[in-house]
């Protein structure tokens, strides 16, 4: 795709640190020369509610899995139209911005900007530029505040930002090239995501068979009493999770501890608990009294499970290995403490993520349009099969042996997806800042009518607002209503 691409023949200094040199015939203009602020309010609040995704830009709220509370009324919210640049002022630095393709309403805390008439042809180019990695440096510098999750980009600060502008006819070619490159990259990524899903299904089939039937194909069976589970080995015990474990429900955020001595402790959120692993890249801290912390402290061997999320991900879980000693967990993450003389934590994870576990949590979940949730009562009632602990260990060993190749293949494919995403990010950055000349390449591109299927994006904002617990991980948190 980049074969034959070269820099422009001549450059000049832009005077902007993140931009460096730009093609000699490009201009650099301040935002106030390009945009004007739009502050038109809804008189009914009945227009389509929009939100800003760190991966997809401005999208209808109904197309996301944002789980934050909704306002009783959207009267007085800001209106935006196709072509308007919408910026979540508190999350501009986290790519919480983009040019809208929709007419609708956004939070009154958002900034809405419209290109001046002479620059209206630049909407698609501006979308790519403001969401690029180099321009993100400018947004971070111009966003001010004490806490990173409360850095605010004001209208004045944004309108003072510099923009690299190619000639009008050239920016059209740039957009066409980047659109073509993005389509191809998305197809590659989508194909690899499909491969991972197939490998995951194969792995889950192995796990399900092992944790619900054991390793002996000739074992005598008995009815489990659970319709979708069918028969299980005759010598296995049957019960509910509450018979073999204790469910700890965790901290409720937002309590007022004024006048009470507190201590700072790390805690896990929904975003930290992924399928089969914990993600500790972004761990928050909270000040709580020691007495509160005692009832929400994680122990090595606890099985972590999320309370809610996408219906197909409900019941995802992993074993906590005490990676952060003294770590707490929020109430949207359950900690299941197994009686290890009865139930091995790893075996419970296998049951929860098997077809049996998925069927149970999907059938018992409380569902909304895009989300599903469970509760501690339902979790405690989860039907478990209990082989002797020694047999559980043998089953787990065999499962690990038979799935090790699948894990390796999935890891390699994930690395390839990461590489493709990095490639896409770098290509956009080089093209919108004039480091690569794509004029000739854009002219030779074929027409493409087919739109690639959407990707399974899991990218998370650098720091997620506490109010967005359980939200879609690619959605920039909303203000006020969200």
Protein backbone atom coordinates (compact mmCIF):
# COMPACT_ATOMS: atom_id res chain seq x y z
CA UNK A 1 0.00 0.00 0.00
CA UNK A 2 2.87 2.37 0.72
CA UNK A 3 5.18 0.99 -1.97
CA UNK A 4 6.52 3.88 -3.99
CA UNK A 5 5.33 6.59 -1.58
CA UNK A 6 7.94 9.25 -1.03
CA UNK A 7 8.19 12.59 0.81
CA UNK A 8 7.33 15.81 -1.01
CA UNK A 9 10.17 17.42 -2.92
CA UNK A 10 10.44 20.59 -0.84
CA UNK A 11 9.53 21.46 2.75
CA UNK A 12 9.40 24.44 5.06
CA UNK A 13 9.45 24.79 8.84
CA UNK A 14 5.90 24.94 10.22
CA UNK A 15 6.99 26.51 13.50
CA UNK A 16 4.89 23.89 15.33
CA UNK A 17 6.79 21.32 17.47
CA UNK A 18 4.56 18.31 16.74
CA UNK A 19 4.24 19.15 13.06
CA UNK A 20 7.85 19.90 12.15
CA UNK A 21 8.39 20.53 8.45
CA UNK A 22 5.43 20.63 6.08
CA UNK A 23 5.31 20.65 2.27
CA UNK A 24 6.30 24.06 1.00
CA UNK A 25 2.93 24.72 -0.66
CA UNK A 26 0.87 23.82 2.46
CA UNK A 27 -0.47 26.42 4.87
CA UNK A 28 -0.62 26.39 8.66
CA UNK A 29 -3.64 28.21 10.08
CA UNK A 30 -5.06 28.63 13.57
CA UNK A 31 -8.37 27.03 14.40
CA UNK A 32 -10.15 30.37 14.68
CA UNK A 33 -9.49 30.97 10.97
CA UNK A 34 -11.16 27.66 10.09
CA UNK A 35 -13.97 27.21 12.60
CA UNK A 36 -16.72 29.06 14.38
CA UNK A 37 -18.39 27.85 17.56
CA UNK A 38 -21.95 26.54 17.28
CA UNK A 39 -24.17 26.69 20.33
CA UNK A 40 -27.73 25.94 19.23
CA UNK A 41 -29.86 24.21 21.87
CA UNK A 42 -32.62 21.66 21.45
CA UNK A 43 -36.05 23.01 22.28
CA UNK A 44 -37.53 19.53 22.77
CA UNK A 45 -34.64 17.15 23.56
CA UNK A 46 -36.22 14.71 21.12
CA UNK A 47 -33.44 14.59 18.54
CA UNK A 48 -31.17 11.56 18.27
CA UNK A 49 -28.69 11.39 21.15
CA UNK A 50 -25.08 11.18 19.98
CA UNK A 51 -21.90 10.26 21.80
CA UNK A 52 -18.18 10.33 20.97
CA UNK A 53 -16.22 7.10 20.66
CA UNK A 54 -12.44 7.00 20.93
CA UNK A 55 -12.41 4.55 18.00
CA UNK A 56 -15.38 5.56 15.85
CA UNK A 57 -15.80 9.28 16.40
CA UNK A 58 -19.33 10.70 16.68
CA UNK A 59 -21.92 7.92 16.70
CA UNK A 60 -25.55 7.47 17.80
CA UNK A 61 -25.75 6.59 21.48
CA UNK A 62 -28.05 3.70 20.51
CA UNK A 63 -25.19 2.06 18.59
CA UNK A 64 -22.95 1.84 21.67
CA UNK A 65 -23.01 -0.11 24.90
CA UNK A 66 -22.52 2.92 27.15
CA UNK A 67 -24.00 1.92 30.50
CA UNK A 68 -24.01 5.25 32.33
CA UNK A 69 -27.24 6.71 33.63
CA UNK A 70 -29.44 8.71 31.29
CA UNK A 71 -30.88 12.12 31.98
CA UNK A 72 -34.62 12.50 32.47
CA UNK A 73 -34.70 15.15 29.76
CA UNK A 74 -32.33 16.29 27.00
CA UNK A 75 -33.97 19.67 26.69
CA UNK A 76 -31.26 22.30 26.23
CA UNK A 77 -28.67 19.91 24.86
CA UNK A 78 -26.48 21.16 22.02
CA UNK A 79 -27.49 20.42 18.46
CA UNK A 80 -25.00 19.36 15.82
CA UNK A 81 -25.31 18.66 12.10
CA UNK A 82 -23.36 16.53 9.60
CA UNK A 83 -19.96 18.13 9.03
CA UNK A 84 -19.74 19.68 12.51
CA UNK A 85 -16.71 18.84 14.61
CA UNK A 86 -17.84 17.61 18.02
CA UNK A 87 -15.42 17.52 20.97
CA UNK A 88 -15.99 16.04 24.40
CA UNK A 89 -14.12 18.85 26.15
CA UNK A 90 -12.95 16.61 29.03
CA UNK A 91 -11.77 13.79 26.77
CA UNK A 92 -10.27 15.56 23.75
CA UNK A 93 -6.87 14.25 24.81
CA UNK A 94 -8.29 10.69 24.72
CA UNK A 95 -9.55 11.01 21.10
CA UNK A 96 -13.00 11.96 22.29
CA UNK A 97 -13.70 14.03 19.18
CA UNK A 98 -14.61 13.72 15.52
CA UNK A 99 -16.58 15.18 12.63
CA UNK A 100 -20.21 14.11 12.83
CA UNK A 101 -22.10 12.38 10.04
CA UNK A 102 -25.32 12.70 12.00
CA UNK A 103 -27.81 15.35 13.06
CA UNK A 104 -28.57 15.07 16.74
CA UNK A 105 -27.91 16.32 20.25
CA UNK A 106 -24.83 16.12 22.43
CA UNK A 107 -24.06 17.08 25.99
CA UNK A 108 -24.04 20.80 26.70
CA UNK A 109 -20.48 20.30 28.00
CA UNK A 110 -19.31 19.36 24.50
CA UNK A 111 -17.83 21.78 22.00
CA UNK A 112 -19.42 21.98 18.55
CA UNK A 113 -17.47 23.69 15.76
CA UNK A 114 -18.40 24.38 12.15
CA UNK A 115 -15.95 25.00 9.32
CA UNK A 116 -16.22 28.41 7.71
CA UNK A 117 -17.74 28.41 4.19
CA UNK A 118 -14.41 28.49 2.34
CA UNK A 119 -13.25 25.33 4.17
CA UNK A 120 -16.39 23.17 4.10
CA UNK A 121 -14.73 20.76 1.64
CA UNK A 122 -12.18 19.90 4.35
CA UNK A 123 -14.52 18.07 6.74
CA UNK A 124 -13.19 14.54 6.08
CA UNK A 125 -9.57 15.75 6.15
CA UNK A 126 -10.14 17.62 9.42
CA UNK A 127 -11.63 14.46 10.95
CA UNK A 128 -8.46 12.52 10.14
CA UNK A 129 -6.16 15.32 11.29
CA UNK A 130 -7.73 16.04 14.69
CA UNK A 131 -7.84 12.32 15.56
CA UNK A 132 -4.25 11.68 14.45
CA UNK A 133 -1.44 10.88 16.89
CA UNK A 134 0.59 14.06 16.15
CA UNK A 135 -2.40 16.38 16.67
CA UNK A 136 -3.15 14.59 19.94
CA UNK A 137 0.00 16.21 21.35
CA UNK A 138 -1.57 19.62 20.69
CA UNK A 139 -4.83 18.58 22.37
CA UNK A 140 -3.00 17.31 25.46
CA UNK A 141 -0.99 20.52 25.81
CA UNK A 142 -4.08 22.70 25.40
CA UNK A 143 -6.28 20.71 27.80
CA UNK A 144 -5.88 22.10 31.31
CA UNK A 145 -6.70 20.76 34.74
CA UNK A 146 -5.33 19.12 37.88
CA UNK A 147 -6.37 15.51 37.22
CA UNK A 148 -5.81 13.73 33.92
CA UNK A 149 -9.45 12.58 33.91
CA UNK A 150 -10.57 16.21 34.24
CA UNK A 151 -8.36 17.95 31.69
CA UNK A 152 -10.62 20.38 29.85
CA UNK A 153 -10.22 21.81 26.37
CA UNK A 154 -11.91 25.21 26.17
CA UNK A 155 -13.21 26.83 23.00
CA UNK A 156 -10.47 29.44 23.18
CA UNK A 157 -7.74 26.82 23.57
CA UNK A 158 -9.00 24.72 20.68
CA UNK A 159 -9.45 27.67 18.33
CA UNK A 160 -5.84 28.65 19.02
CA UNK A 161 -4.50 25.29 17.81
CA UNK A 162 -2.51 25.16 14.55
CA UNK A 163 -3.81 23.14 11.59
CA UNK A 164 -1.76 21.93 8.62
CA UNK A 165 -3.75 22.60 5.44
CA UNK A 166 -2.94 21.24 1.98
CA UNK A 167 -4.61 22.87 -1.03
CA UNK A 168 -8.30 21.98 -1.41
CA UNK A 169 -7.81 19.66 -4.39
CA UNK A 170 -4.95 17.88 -2.64
CA UNK A 171 -6.78 17.21 0.62
CA UNK A 172 -9.46 15.39 -1.36
CA UNK A 173 -6.82 12.97 -2.63
CA UNK A 174 -5.45 12.53 0.86
CA UNK A 175 -8.89 11.60 2.19
CA UNK A 176 -9.44 9.18 -0.69
CA UNK A 177 -6.09 7.49 -0.08
CA UNK A 178 -6.64 7.19 3.67
CA UNK A 179 -10.16 5.84 3.16
CA UNK A 180 -8.80 3.18 0.79
CA UNK A 181 -5.98 2.30 3.20
CA UNK A 182 -8.40 2.12 6.12
CA UNK A 183 -10.77 -0.18 4.22
CA UNK A 184 -7.96 -2.59 3.36
CA UNK A 185 -6.56 -2.56 6.87
CA UNK A 186 -10.01 -3.15 8.37
CA UNK A 187 -10.53 -6.12 6.05
CA UNK A 188 -7.22 -7.63 7.18
CA UNK A 189 -8.06 -7.04 10.83
CA UNK A 190 -11.58 -8.38 10.41
CA UNK A 191 -10.25 -11.59 8.85
CA UNK A 192 -7.87 -12.07 11.77
CA UNK A 193 -10.63 -11.35 14.29
CA UNK A 194 -12.73 -14.05 12.64
CA UNK A 195 -9.79 -16.46 12.95
CA UNK A 196 -9.47 -15.66 16.66
CA UNK A 197 -13.19 -16.32 17.16
CA UNK A 198 -12.88 -19.69 15.43
CA UNK A 199 -9.89 -20.61 17.59
CA UNK A 200 -11.75 -19.43 20.69
CA UNK A 201 -14.78 -21.56 19.77
CA UNK A 202 -12.51 -24.56 19.33
CA UNK A 203 -10.93 -23.90 22.72
CA UNK A 204 -14.30 -23.47 24.41
CA UNK A 205 -15.53 -26.74 22.94
CA UNK A 206 -12.53 -28.52 24.49
CA UNK A 207 -13.09 -26.81 27.85
CA UNK A 208 -16.84 -27.48 27.88
CA UNK A 209 -16.41 -31.16 27.15
CA UNK A 210 -13.73 -31.54 29.82
CA UNK A 211 -15.43 -29.63 32.67
CA UNK A 212 -18.89 -31.12 32.09
CA UNK A 213 -18.05 -34.72 31.08
CA UNK A 214 -14.50 -35.32 32.34
CA UNK A 215 -11.73 -37.17 30.51
CA UNK A 216 -13.07 -40.75 30.50
CA UNK A 217 -15.31 -41.30 27.45
CA UNK A 218 -16.69 -44.51 29.00
CA UNK A 219 -17.70 -43.04 32.36
CA UNK A 220 -21.21 -43.77 33.65
CA UNK A 221 -23.48 -40.73 33.45
CA UNK A 222 -26.48 -39.35 35.34
CA UNK A 223 -28.94 -36.51 34.63
CA UNK A 224 -27.68 -33.14 35.84
CA UNK A 225 -31.14 -31.65 36.22
CA UNK A 226 -30.04 -28.70 34.07
CA UNK A 227 -31.67 -28.76 30.63
CA UNK A 228 -28.76 -27.40 28.58
CA UNK A 229 -26.13 -29.29 30.57
CA UNK A 230 -27.58 -32.74 30.08
CA UNK A 231 -25.81 -35.70 31.68
CA UNK A 232 -22.68 -35.58 33.83
CA UNK A 233 -20.42 -38.29 35.29
CA UNK A 234 -22.25 -40.35 37.90
CA UNK A 235 -19.63 -39.88 40.64
CA UNK A 236 -19.61 -36.06 40.37
CA UNK A 237 -21.47 -34.00 42.95
CA UNK A 238 -24.01 -31.39 41.86
CA UNK A 239 -24.77 -28.13 43.62
CA UNK A 240 -24.99 -24.37 43.46
CA UNK A 241 -22.05 -22.00 43.61
CA UNK A 242 -23.11 -20.85 47.08
CA UNK A 243 -22.44 -24.42 48.31
CA UNK A 244 -18.81 -24.28 47.18
CA UNK A 245 -17.82 -20.60 47.39
CA UNK A 246 -18.45 -17.20 48.94
CA UNK A 247 -19.32 -14.24 46.69
CA UNK A 248 -17.79 -10.90 47.76
CA UNK A 249 -19.54 -7.89 46.24
CA UNK A 250 -16.95 -5.11 46.56
CA UNK A 251 -16.88 -1.34 47.05
CA UNK A 252 -19.60 1.11 46.12
CA UNK A 253 -17.98 4.27 44.78
CA UNK A 254 -19.07 7.78 45.64
CA UNK A 255 -19.51 7.41 49.39
CA UNK A 256 -18.74 10.41 51.57
CA UNK A 257 -16.09 9.56 54.18
CA UNK A 258 -15.74 13.10 55.50
CA UNK A 259 -14.33 13.13 59.02
CA UNK A 260 -13.27 9.47 58.87
CA UNK A 261 -9.64 8.36 58.59
CA UNK A 262 -8.97 6.80 55.19
CA UNK A 263 -6.16 5.07 53.35
CA UNK A 264 -5.35 5.02 49.63
CA UNK A 265 -5.80 1.60 48.03
CA UNK A 266 -5.73 0.33 44.44
CA UNK A 267 -8.97 -1.16 43.15
CA UNK A 268 -10.19 -3.09 40.10
CA UNK A 269 -12.93 -1.90 37.75
CA UNK A 270 -14.84 -3.69 35.00
CA UNK A 271 -12.23 -2.55 32.48
CA UNK A 272 -9.54 -4.45 34.40
CA UNK A 273 -11.28 -7.83 34.16
CA UNK A 274 -10.96 -9.37 30.71
CA UNK A 275 -11.71 -12.85 29.43
CA UNK A 276 -9.16 -15.13 31.07
CA UNK A 277 -6.87 -12.35 32.31
CA UNK A 278 -6.61 -9.12 34.26
CA UNK A 279 -5.58 -5.93 32.49
CA UNK A 280 -3.53 -3.85 34.92
CA UNK A 281 -2.33 -1.11 32.56
CA UNK A 282 -4.65 1.41 34.22
CA UNK A 283 -5.38 0.74 37.89
CA UNK A 284 -7.12 3.46 39.89
CA UNK A 285 -6.81 4.24 43.59
CA UNK A 286 -9.48 5.18 46.10
CA UNK A 287 -9.39 6.61 49.62
CA UNK A 288 -11.46 4.41 51.94
CA UNK A 289 -11.64 3.68 55.67
CA UNK A 290 -9.77 0.49 56.64
CA UNK A 291 -13.06 -1.08 57.78
CA UNK A 292 -14.57 -0.60 54.29
CA UNK A 293 -11.42 -1.89 52.62
CA UNK A 294 -11.47 -5.09 54.68
CA UNK A 295 -14.68 -6.28 53.04
CA UNK A 296 -13.48 -5.60 49.51
CA UNK A 297 -9.87 -6.83 49.59
CA UNK A 298 -8.92 -9.45 47.03
CA UNK A 299 -7.15 -12.67 48.02
CA UNK A 300 -4.94 -14.80 45.82
CA UNK A 301 -7.13 -17.42 44.16
CA UNK A 302 -10.28 -15.30 44.00
CA UNK A 303 -12.23 -15.70 40.78
CA UNK A 304 -13.11 -12.29 39.31
CA UNK A 305 -16.31 -11.88 37.34
CA UNK A 306 -17.93 -8.80 35.84
CA UNK A 307 -21.47 -7.84 36.77
CA UNK A 308 -22.45 -6.57 33.34
CA UNK A 309 -21.51 -5.73 29.77
CA UNK A 310 -22.19 -7.15 26.32
CA UNK A 311 -24.47 -10.17 26.58
CA UNK A 312 -21.92 -12.47 24.92
CA UNK A 313 -19.25 -11.36 27.39
CA UNK A 314 -21.33 -11.69 30.54
CA UNK A 315 -19.73 -14.18 32.90
CA UNK A 316 -16.21 -13.51 31.69
CA UNK A 317 -13.80 -14.22 34.47
CA UNK A 318 -10.25 -14.96 35.54
CA UNK A 319 -8.28 -15.99 38.62
CA UNK A 320 -6.67 -13.23 40.69
CA UNK A 321 -3.03 -14.13 41.45
CA UNK A 322 -2.48 -11.30 43.94
CA UNK A 323 -0.71 -9.32 41.24
CA UNK A 324 -1.21 -6.19 43.38
CA UNK A 325 -1.13 -7.06 47.10
CA UNK A 326 -3.92 -5.38 49.06
CA UNK A 327 -5.94 -4.57 45.94
CA UNK A 328 -9.68 -3.91 46.31
CA UNK A 329 -12.50 -4.39 43.81
CA UNK A 330 -15.48 -2.25 42.85
CA UNK A 331 -19.01 -3.59 43.27
CA UNK A 332 -19.36 -4.08 39.50
CA UNK A 333 -16.74 -6.83 39.83
CA UNK A 334 -17.57 -9.91 41.91
CA UNK A 335 -14.85 -11.81 43.77
CA UNK A 336 -15.74 -15.49 44.18
CA UNK A 337 -13.73 -17.20 46.93
CA UNK A 338 -13.84 -20.96 46.42
CA UNK A 339 -13.68 -23.57 49.13
CA UNK A 340 -10.58 -25.10 47.66
CA UNK A 341 -11.22 -28.50 49.23
CA UNK A 342 -14.33 -28.63 47.03
CA UNK A 343 -13.77 -26.37 44.00
CA UNK A 344 -10.54 -25.26 42.32
CA UNK A 345 -10.72 -21.62 41.17
CA UNK A 346 -9.45 -22.49 37.69
CA UNK A 347 -12.14 -25.17 37.36
CA UNK A 348 -14.80 -22.61 38.25
CA UNK A 349 -13.46 -20.28 35.53
CA UNK A 350 -13.77 -23.17 33.10
CA UNK A 351 -17.39 -23.74 34.12
CA UNK A 352 -18.27 -20.05 33.91
CA UNK A 353 -16.78 -19.61 30.44
CA UNK A 354 -18.02 -22.94 29.07
CA UNK A 355 -21.20 -23.27 27.01
CA UNK A 356 -22.92 -24.23 30.27
CA UNK A 357 -21.86 -21.03 32.00
CA UNK A 358 -22.64 -18.84 29.03
CA UNK A 359 -26.11 -20.39 28.67
CA UNK A 360 -26.87 -19.85 32.36
CA UNK A 361 -25.79 -16.21 32.51
CA UNK A 362 -27.45 -15.31 29.22
CA UNK A 363 -30.74 -16.94 30.24
CA UNK A 364 -30.78 -15.33 33.69
CA UNK A 365 -29.40 -11.91 32.74
CA UNK A 366 -31.31 -8.68 33.04
CA UNK A 367 -31.10 -7.21 29.53
CA UNK A 368 -31.46 -3.74 28.03
CA UNK A 369 -31.01 -2.77 24.38
CA UNK A 370 -27.24 -3.21 24.29
CA UNK A 371 -26.29 -4.52 27.72
CA UNK A 372 -26.86 -7.37 30.11
CA UNK A 373 -26.22 -7.67 33.82
CA UNK A 374 -26.40 -10.22 36.58
CA UNK A 375 -26.39 -9.97 40.37
CA UNK A 376 -24.89 -11.74 43.35
CA UNK A 377 -28.03 -13.77 44.01
CA UNK A 378 -28.04 -15.16 40.48
CA UNK A 379 -24.31 -15.81 40.66
CA UNK A 380 -24.66 -17.74 43.92
CA UNK A 381 -27.36 -19.87 42.27
CA UNK A 382 -25.09 -20.86 39.35
CA UNK A 383 -25.31 -24.68 38.94
CA UNK A 384 -21.87 -26.25 39.40
CA UNK A 385 -20.64 -29.77 38.82
CA UNK A 386 -18.06 -30.88 41.37
CA UNK A 387 -15.68 -33.70 40.49
CA UNK A 388 -13.23 -34.66 43.25
CA UNK A 389 -10.62 -31.90 43.52
CA UNK A 390 -7.83 -34.22 42.38
CA UNK A 391 -9.83 -35.00 39.25
CA UNK A 392 -10.46 -31.27 38.70
CA UNK A 393 -6.69 -30.73 38.72
CA UNK A 394 -6.16 -33.55 36.22
CA UNK A 395 -8.85 -32.11 33.94
CA UNK A 396 -7.28 -28.67 34.09
CA UNK A 397 -3.86 -30.09 33.24
CA UNK A 398 -5.25 -31.88 30.19
CA UNK A 399 -7.21 -28.84 29.06
CA UNK A 400 -4.05 -26.73 29.27
CA UNK A 401 -2.13 -29.32 27.24
CA UNK A 402 -4.75 -29.53 24.51
CA UNK A 403 -5.33 -25.77 24.25
CA UNK A 404 -1.73 -24.53 24.45
CA UNK A 405 -1.40 -24.53 20.65
CA UNK A 406 -4.66 -22.61 20.30
CA UNK A 407 -3.48 -20.03 22.84
CA UNK A 408 -0.23 -19.57 20.92
CA UNK A 409 -2.08 -19.14 17.62
CA UNK A 410 -4.44 -16.57 19.14
CA UNK A 411 -1.54 -14.66 20.68
CA UNK A 412 0.26 -14.52 17.33
CA UNK A 413 -2.90 -13.31 15.61
CA UNK A 414 -3.50 -10.66 18.28
CA UNK A 415 0.05 -9.41 17.74
CA UNK A 416 -0.61 -9.20 14.00
CA UNK A 417 -3.77 -7.15 14.69
CA UNK A 418 -1.79 -4.82 16.96
CA UNK A 419 0.79 -4.39 14.19
CA UNK A 420 -1.91 -3.56 11.64
CA UNK A 421 -3.47 -0.99 13.97
CA UNK A 422 -0.08 0.60 14.62
CA UNK A 423 0.56 0.65 10.88
CA UNK A 424 -2.77 2.38 10.24
CA UNK A 425 -2.10 4.95 12.98
CA UNK A 426 1.39 5.70 11.64
CA UNK A 427 0.20 5.94 8.04
CA UNK A 428 -2.51 8.45 8.93
CA UNK A 429 -0.02 10.52 10.93
CA UNK A 430 2.52 10.62 8.08
CA UNK A 431 -0.07 11.50 5.44
CA UNK A 432 -2.01 14.26 7.27
CA UNK A 433 1.22 15.99 8.31
CA UNK A 434 2.70 15.87 4.81
CA UNK A 435 5.52 13.41 5.51
CA UNK A 436 4.33 11.20 2.62
CA UNK A 437 3.11 12.40 -0.77
CA UNK A 438 0.04 10.37 -1.81
CA UNK A 439 -1.17 12.52 -4.71
CA UNK A 440 -0.22 10.10 -7.50
CA UNK A 441 -1.26 7.04 -5.49
CA UNK A 442 -4.71 8.53 -4.84
CA UNK A 443 -5.32 9.05 -8.56
CA UNK A 444 -4.60 5.37 -9.33
CA UNK A 445 -6.90 3.92 -6.66
CA UNK A 446 -9.84 1.75 -7.78
CA UNK A 447 -13.40 2.61 -6.88
CA UNK A 448 -14.75 0.69 -3.86
CA UNK A 449 -18.46 0.45 -3.22
CA UNK A 450 -18.45 -2.20 -0.52
CA UNK A 451 -18.13 -1.04 3.07
CA UNK A 452 -16.14 -3.47 5.26
CA UNK A 453 -17.92 -4.96 8.25
CA UNK A 454 -17.27 -3.11 11.53
CA UNK A 455 -14.33 -4.21 13.61
CA UNK A 456 -14.52 -5.67 17.08
CA UNK A 457 -12.82 -2.66 18.64
CA UNK A 458 -11.63 -3.08 22.21
CA UNK A 459 -9.38 -0.09 22.54
CA UNK A 460 -9.84 1.74 25.85
CA UNK A 461 -9.39 5.40 26.59
CA UNK A 462 -6.16 6.14 28.46
CA UNK A 463 -8.14 6.67 31.66
CA UNK A 464 -11.78 5.83 32.12
CA UNK A 465 -14.15 7.89 34.22
CA UNK A 466 -15.53 6.13 37.30
CA UNK A 467 -19.06 6.92 36.16
CA UNK A 468 -18.55 4.83 33.02
CA UNK A 469 -18.11 1.52 34.82
CA UNK A 470 -19.50 -1.26 32.66
CA UNK A 471 -19.58 0.95 29.61
CA UNK A 472 -18.43 -0.02 26.17
CA UNK A 473 -14.63 0.29 26.35
CA UNK A 474 -14.33 2.23 23.17
CA UNK A 475 -16.78 4.98 24.24
CA UNK A 476 -15.51 8.27 25.60
CA UNK A 477 -17.52 8.89 28.79
CA UNK A 478 -20.36 11.34 28.49
CA UNK A 479 -20.71 14.38 30.69
CA UNK A 480 -23.68 14.99 32.99
CA UNK A 481 -26.25 12.78 31.29
CA UNK A 482 -23.92 9.90 30.72
